[in-house]
Each structure stands twice: as C-alpha cells, then as structure tokens.
Amino acid sequence: MPADIINSTRKLFSLQREGNRQIQSFIGETTSIIYAPFHVIDNNLYDSILGIPVFSRLPDDFDMGNYTAEKPDWPIAFIPALCPECGWDLAGERDSMVLLCRNCDSAWHHRNKRLEKIGMGYIPGGSDNHLFLPFWMIRTGIFGIDPGAYADLVKSAGLPAVVQEFSNEVKFIFRIPAFKIRAHHFLRIAKQMTFVQPLDEVTEKVPDGTMHSVTLPVTEAIESIKIVMAGFIKSKNDLFSALIDAVIIPENFNLVYVPFRTGHHDLINEKYNIALNNNILSTACNL
C-alpha cells in the first residue's frame, strides 16, 4: 500500500536520531507500483532482466507458488467533469486537482469518489500579462503549547495570531502554494505569502485570466504548516521543542488565486514584493 511505502521511507530518511528532534514531512510525493520479472534456477532467485541472482540462497520458507501470475483487480472509475451545481463543463488542465466552473464560479476537487465543492476566489489586480498562482488559505488551531509560550511563539514568528483566552490554543492563517515546486522555493514562497497576510478583499469568482494548475492537494499543504512555521521562529530552543509537540488542526480552507506579472525571467507580485523565477514552474512538472 502507498501509505506503508511512505512510512517505510520516512523511517529510512528519519532525522530523529540520538535525541536530535526535527520537524520532517514529505510534500508532493508520488508513489508508483512497478512489476519486475524474476525466475528461480537451482533454488536461487534471479533478476530476469539483469540475469543475476538476488540472493545467494533462497530462504527456507520461500515458495514460488505463493507468487502466481494474475491480472490485478484495478477497476477504472470515471467521474463526469460536469458541474454538480449547474451542469456546465468543468475546466482544468490534465494535472489539475481542482476543476473550475466559469458558469457559476465554483471550484471542485475529488474526494470520496465524488466531486466536492471548495471555497475559491482571487485577489484582484491582474491584467493580460499576469498569471494567477493558486494558494491554499488555511485557518488552523495549534494545540498543546504551554500557555507561557504563547506570547513568545507569536512574537518570534512575527505572525498575526489570535490567542484563545481560556483554552490551550493559538490560531493562525497560512497561505501555502497549491502547486508543486522544489522544496526550498516552496518554503520561501509559503513563508512570504503567510507573513504579508494579504488583507485584500477576495473576489469569490473564477479570475478572468491565465491560471496555474492546482497540483498540490490541501492535505499535503496542511502537512507543511509545521515546517513553514518553524522557519519563522528565530529562537530555536524551547519554542522549537514546543512546536514539535504541538498539534495542528485545520479548521477551514479556501483556494485563492494571486496575480503575478509575467516578466522575461520572473513572475513578480510588486504589492507583496514576491518574485518567482519562470524556470521554477517550468521544471516543476517533473516533480
């Protein structure tokens, strides 16, 4: 199962060694199953492609009969790309995880074998030479932090936050890229967009312009929140340990498109002072 493969990989690359506690997460991973041919000669298992033995001797309990050839039972199911609300054709690139309806200005993603509506909008300001990049706007509660660390955490991170007076909880709003890019660029853009906390009123409709595909699901954007927040913390001692033990629970999320002016080499949002090299997006399709 993909989940088992990911857990095994986590253990293999884990940094949690010798008391060195770290925050670690896989973002945007892809799992695949590859079938390879093997055969048995004189009680040795051979790689049929390379022609070399895999083991010097097969285990005593190995039985080739347990690995019979059969056709995998992988049924293919289709979901019509029609808006569940108005019946209009949904639009989206082949790699997009969110489909948009320009007729009723709605957004849909696949969940539990059906299309589910999500909140969506865009920040005005784009023109013909702008590209709208998608971001997940996630409101979260952070639980399990000692009350004495509240003020230090908020001050160190420099983020607007709401501290619940009678509960062990801090609330933040994060803006995480809804598209795949390489890790250090992903964290930089997430930190910049979260830090500026755009106060522009979001127009709840599909933007009239070119949009980048949503290639990162919101579940994985949520997984990145601890790492993004750790980048804000200036003092890495007690606050970092508190963040490791904290529990982040998302309350709600929306998809927000932000306009970036397309230059010769960079995508630029002058208002938030954020730039992204064009090549970063063009090579992200291989991630």
Protein backbone atom coordinates (compact mmCIF):
# COMPACT_ATOMS: atom_id res chain seq x y z
CA MET A 1 0.00 0.00 0.00
CA PRO A 2 1.23 3.55 -0.73
CA ALA A 3 0.85 4.53 2.94
CA ASP A 4 3.13 1.63 4.01
CA ILE A 5 5.73 2.61 1.40
CA ILE A 6 5.73 6.22 2.61
CA ASN A 7 6.05 5.18 6.26
CA SER A 8 9.00 2.92 5.40
CA THR A 9 10.66 5.78 3.54
CA ARG A 10 10.06 8.12 6.47
CA LYS A 11 11.91 5.72 8.77
CA LEU A 12 14.74 5.32 6.26
CA PHE A 13 15.34 9.06 5.99
CA SER A 14 14.31 9.97 9.53
CA LEU A 15 16.37 12.62 11.30
CA GLN A 16 15.05 11.61 14.71
CA ARG A 17 18.30 10.08 15.88
CA GLU A 18 20.33 10.35 19.05
CA GLY A 19 17.88 12.76 20.61
CA ASN A 20 18.10 15.18 17.68
CA ARG A 21 14.44 16.08 17.32
CA GLN A 22 13.43 17.54 13.99
CA ILE A 23 10.30 18.51 12.08
CA GLN A 24 10.10 16.50 8.88
CA SER A 25 7.46 15.93 6.21
CA PHE A 26 7.12 14.65 2.67
CA ILE A 27 5.31 17.18 0.48
CA GLY A 28 4.06 16.39 -3.00
CA GLU A 29 5.31 12.80 -3.03
CA THR A 30 4.26 10.35 -5.75
CA THR A 31 4.11 6.57 -5.27
CA SER A 32 4.14 4.07 -8.11
CA ILE A 33 4.00 0.27 -8.37
CA ILE A 34 6.42 -1.36 -10.81
CA TYR A 35 6.22 -5.06 -11.68
CA ALA A 36 9.59 -6.69 -12.41
CA PRO A 37 10.24 -10.24 -13.73
CA PHE A 38 12.11 -12.84 -11.63
CA HIS A 39 12.74 -16.58 -12.04
CA VAL A 40 14.13 -19.46 -9.96
CA ILE A 41 17.09 -21.65 -11.01
CA ASP A 42 18.66 -24.22 -8.66
CA ASN A 43 16.98 -22.69 -5.64
CA ASN A 44 18.26 -19.21 -6.49
CA LEU A 45 16.05 -16.25 -7.30
CA TYR A 46 17.27 -14.39 -10.40
CA ASP A 47 16.54 -10.96 -11.77
CA SER A 48 15.22 -11.86 -15.24
CA ILE A 49 16.40 -8.59 -16.74
CA LEU A 50 19.93 -8.42 -15.32
CA GLY A 51 20.38 -12.22 -15.20
CA ILE A 52 21.99 -12.15 -11.76
CA PRO A 53 20.87 -13.79 -8.52
CA VAL A 54 19.05 -11.66 -5.97
CA PHE A 55 20.04 -13.88 -3.01
CA SER A 56 22.90 -16.28 -2.60
CA ARG A 57 20.33 -18.76 -1.29
CA LEU A 58 16.57 -18.58 -1.03
CA PRO A 59 15.01 -18.59 2.45
CA ASP A 60 13.70 -22.00 3.52
CA ASP A 61 10.12 -20.76 3.66
CA PHE A 62 10.19 -19.30 0.14
CA ASP A 63 7.54 -20.81 -2.15
CA MET A 64 7.30 -19.61 -5.75
CA GLY A 65 3.73 -20.89 -5.78
CA ASN A 66 2.71 -18.06 -3.49
CA TYR A 67 3.51 -15.59 -6.26
CA THR A 68 1.16 -16.68 -9.00
CA ALA A 69 0.72 -14.50 -12.04
CA GLU A 70 -2.68 -12.85 -12.16
CA LYS A 71 -4.30 -9.77 -13.55
CA PRO A 72 -4.55 -7.03 -10.90
CA ASP A 73 -8.11 -6.15 -9.97
CA TRP A 74 -7.86 -2.42 -10.64
CA PRO A 75 -11.24 -1.19 -11.84
CA ILE A 76 -11.24 2.15 -13.63
CA ALA A 77 -13.93 4.56 -12.49
CA PHE A 78 -14.84 7.81 -14.18
CA ILE A 79 -16.40 10.95 -12.75
CA PRO A 80 -18.07 13.22 -15.30
CA ALA A 81 -16.41 16.65 -15.48
CA LEU A 82 -19.76 18.41 -15.16
CA CYS A 83 -20.52 20.99 -12.51
CA PRO A 84 -22.72 19.32 -9.86
CA GLU A 85 -24.48 22.67 -9.29
CA CYS A 86 -25.30 23.93 -12.78
CA GLY A 87 -24.33 21.09 -15.12
CA TRP A 88 -21.77 23.21 -17.01
CA ASP A 89 -18.49 21.76 -18.30
CA LEU A 90 -15.71 21.96 -15.72
CA ALA A 91 -12.33 23.30 -16.84
CA GLY A 92 -8.85 22.28 -15.76
CA GLU A 93 -5.51 21.04 -17.07
CA ARG A 94 -4.80 17.31 -17.13
CA ASP A 95 -2.63 17.58 -13.99
CA SER A 96 -5.01 19.84 -12.07
CA MET A 97 -6.53 18.58 -8.81
CA VAL A 98 -9.20 21.28 -8.87
CA LEU A 99 -11.73 21.85 -11.65
CA LEU A 100 -13.41 25.22 -12.17
CA CYS A 101 -16.85 26.16 -13.42
CA ARG A 102 -16.93 29.53 -15.16
CA ASN A 103 -20.70 29.45 -15.41
CA CYS A 104 -21.49 29.52 -11.68
CA ASP A 105 -17.99 30.49 -10.46
CA SER A 106 -17.35 27.41 -8.37
CA ALA A 107 -14.39 25.09 -7.70
CA TRP A 108 -14.45 21.33 -7.20
CA HIS A 109 -11.99 18.68 -6.10
CA HIS A 110 -12.20 14.90 -5.95
CA ARG A 111 -12.98 13.40 -2.57
CA ASN A 112 -14.58 10.08 -1.57
CA LYS A 113 -15.20 9.13 -5.21
CA ARG A 114 -17.16 12.28 -5.97
CA LEU A 115 -16.71 15.96 -6.66
CA GLU A 116 -16.81 18.20 -3.59
CA LYS A 117 -17.15 21.97 -3.68
CA ILE A 118 -14.44 24.11 -2.11
CA GLY A 119 -14.28 27.82 -1.36
CA MET A 120 -12.48 29.73 -4.08
CA GLY A 121 -11.68 33.28 -5.13
CA TYR A 122 -8.95 35.58 -6.35
CA ILE A 123 -7.19 38.79 -5.37
CA PRO A 124 -7.99 41.48 -7.95
CA GLY A 125 -5.27 43.31 -9.79
CA GLY A 126 -4.36 41.06 -12.69
CA SER A 127 -4.25 42.00 -16.37
CA ASP A 128 -3.44 40.32 -19.66
CA ASN A 129 0.24 39.89 -18.72
CA HIS A 130 -0.48 38.33 -15.33
CA LEU A 131 -0.53 34.70 -14.25
CA PHE A 132 -2.75 33.73 -11.32
CA LEU A 133 -0.95 31.34 -8.96
CA PRO A 134 -3.12 29.25 -6.60
CA PHE A 135 -2.60 29.26 -2.83
CA TRP A 136 -4.35 27.31 -0.08
CA MET A 137 -5.52 29.74 2.61
CA ILE A 138 -5.73 27.55 5.72
CA ARG A 139 -7.02 28.66 9.11
CA THR A 140 -5.61 26.41 11.81
CA GLY A 141 -5.69 25.90 15.53
CA ILE A 142 -2.41 24.98 17.22
CA PHE A 143 -2.96 22.93 20.36
CA GLY A 144 -0.73 21.57 23.07
CA ILE A 145 1.53 24.59 23.51
CA ASP A 146 2.25 25.61 27.09
CA PRO A 147 0.34 28.83 27.85
CA GLY A 148 3.58 30.51 28.87
CA ALA A 149 4.96 30.02 25.35
CA TYR A 150 2.02 31.75 23.59
CA ALA A 151 3.42 35.27 23.54
CA ASP A 152 6.95 34.11 22.76
CA LEU A 153 5.73 31.98 19.86
CA VAL A 154 3.65 34.76 18.32
CA LYS A 155 6.39 37.36 18.85
CA SER A 156 9.14 35.16 17.46
CA ALA A 157 7.15 34.11 14.42
CA GLY A 158 6.03 37.67 13.74
CA LEU A 159 2.65 36.42 12.54
CA PRO A 160 -0.79 37.85 13.28
CA ALA A 161 -2.43 35.37 15.62
CA VAL A 162 -5.46 35.04 17.85
CA VAL A 163 -4.85 33.51 21.29
CA GLN A 164 -7.89 31.89 22.84
CA GLU A 165 -8.06 33.23 26.37
CA PHE A 166 -9.48 30.16 28.10
CA SER A 167 -8.04 27.35 26.01
CA ASN A 168 -4.61 25.98 25.20
CA GLU A 169 -4.85 27.10 21.59
CA VAL A 170 -3.35 29.59 19.12
CA LYS A 171 -4.92 30.32 15.74
CA PHE A 172 -3.03 31.23 12.58
CA ILE A 173 -3.85 31.70 8.91
CA PHE A 174 -1.35 30.18 6.48
CA ARG A 175 -1.09 30.70 2.72
CA ILE A 176 0.58 27.65 1.21
CA PRO A 177 1.32 27.20 -2.52
CA ALA A 178 -1.24 24.93 -4.17
CA PHE A 179 1.31 23.97 -6.81
CA LYS A 180 4.44 21.83 -6.74
CA ILE A 181 7.84 23.48 -6.80
CA ARG A 182 11.18 22.47 -5.34
CA ALA A 183 11.35 22.36 -1.56
CA HIS A 184 13.37 25.50 -0.77
CA HIS A 185 11.31 27.61 -3.19
CA PHE A 186 8.10 26.12 -1.77
CA LEU A 187 9.04 27.05 1.79
CA ARG A 188 10.21 30.53 0.79
CA ILE A 189 7.00 31.39 -1.06
CA ALA A 190 4.85 29.90 1.73
CA LYS A 191 6.68 31.99 4.35
CA GLN A 192 6.46 35.18 2.29
CA MET A 193 2.77 34.84 1.49
CA THR A 194 1.92 33.88 5.07
CA PHE A 195 3.97 36.71 6.53
CA VAL A 196 2.46 39.50 4.42
CA GLN A 197 -1.05 38.26 5.31
CA PRO A 198 -2.79 39.93 2.31
CA LEU A 199 -5.74 41.96 3.52
CA ASP A 200 -7.16 42.44 0.03
CA GLU A 201 -10.78 41.52 -0.30
CA VAL A 202 -11.04 38.21 -2.15
CA THR A 203 -13.45 38.21 -5.11
CA GLU A 204 -15.36 34.94 -4.96
CA LYS A 205 -15.32 34.01 -8.62
CA VAL A 206 -13.07 32.42 -11.22
CA PRO A 207 -10.46 35.01 -12.30
CA ASP A 208 -10.54 36.29 -15.87
CA GLY A 209 -7.01 35.41 -16.85
CA THR A 210 -4.43 32.66 -17.16
CA MET A 211 -4.28 30.38 -14.12
CA HIS A 212 -1.67 27.90 -13.00
CA SER A 213 -2.96 24.39 -12.26
CA VAL A 214 -3.57 23.22 -8.70
CA THR A 215 -1.10 20.35 -8.40
CA LEU A 216 -0.72 20.10 -4.61
CA PRO A 217 -3.70 18.85 -2.58
CA VAL A 218 -4.74 20.73 0.54
CA THR A 219 -3.96 17.67 2.71
CA GLU A 220 -0.27 17.98 1.84
CA ALA A 221 -0.33 21.75 2.25
CA ILE A 222 -1.53 21.15 5.81
CA GLU A 223 1.38 18.75 6.38
CA SER A 224 3.81 21.55 5.54
CA ILE A 225 2.48 24.03 8.13
CA LYS A 226 4.80 22.99 10.96
CA ILE A 227 7.84 23.29 8.72
CA VAL A 228 6.72 26.67 7.42
CA MET A 229 6.11 27.92 10.95
CA ALA A 230 9.48 26.61 12.14
CA GLY A 231 11.10 28.88 9.57
CA PHE A 232 9.57 31.91 11.28
CA ILE A 233 10.89 31.08 14.73
CA LYS A 234 14.07 32.99 15.45
CA SER A 235 14.87 31.28 18.74
CA LYS A 236 15.21 27.57 18.03
CA ASN A 237 15.43 26.29 21.59
CA ASP A 238 12.34 25.99 23.77
CA LEU A 239 9.94 27.33 21.12
CA PHE A 240 11.12 24.81 18.57
CA SER A 241 10.58 21.95 21.02
CA ALA A 242 7.13 23.29 21.81
CA LEU A 243 6.28 23.37 18.10
CA ILE A 244 7.38 19.74 17.62
CA ASP A 245 4.96 18.61 20.34
CA ALA A 246 2.11 20.88 19.19
CA VAL A 247 -0.88 19.51 17.31
CA ILE A 248 -2.08 21.45 14.28
CA ILE A 249 -5.76 21.03 13.42
CA PRO A 250 -7.12 22.79 10.31
CA GLU A 251 -10.49 24.48 10.79
CA ASN A 252 -11.25 25.57 7.23
CA PHE A 253 -9.53 26.27 3.94
CA ASN A 254 -10.09 28.13 0.69
CA LEU A 255 -8.34 28.30 -2.66
CA VAL A 256 -7.15 31.81 -3.51
CA TYR A 257 -5.57 32.86 -6.82
CA VAL A 258 -2.94 35.62 -6.57
CA PRO A 259 -1.85 37.63 -9.66
CA PHE A 260 1.84 37.68 -10.65
CA ARG A 261 3.12 39.79 -13.52
CA THR A 262 4.96 37.71 -16.11
CA GLY A 263 8.35 39.18 -16.97
CA HIS A 264 11.12 37.84 -19.19
CA HIS A 265 12.68 35.85 -16.36
CA ASP A 266 10.46 36.19 -13.30
CA LEU A 267 6.91 36.17 -12.03
CA ILE A 268 6.54 39.23 -9.83
CA ASN A 269 3.95 40.48 -7.39
CA GLU A 270 5.04 44.06 -6.69
CA LYS A 271 2.46 44.65 -3.97
CA TYR A 272 3.75 41.84 -1.77
CA ASN A 273 7.35 42.10 -3.01
CA ILE A 274 7.47 38.43 -4.06
CA ALA A 275 9.26 37.07 -7.12
CA LEU A 276 9.47 33.58 -8.60
CA ASN A 277 11.74 32.54 -11.46
CA ASN A 278 9.88 31.29 -14.53
CA ASN A 279 12.11 28.22 -14.78
CA ILE A 280 10.99 27.05 -11.34
CA LEU A 281 7.46 26.49 -12.59
CA SER A 282 8.50 25.03 -15.94
CA THR A 283 10.64 22.34 -14.28
CA ALA A 284 8.04 21.59 -11.56
CA CYS A 285 6.09 19.37 -13.97
CA ASN A 286 8.74 16.69 -13.36
CA LEU A 287 8.13 16.61 -9.60
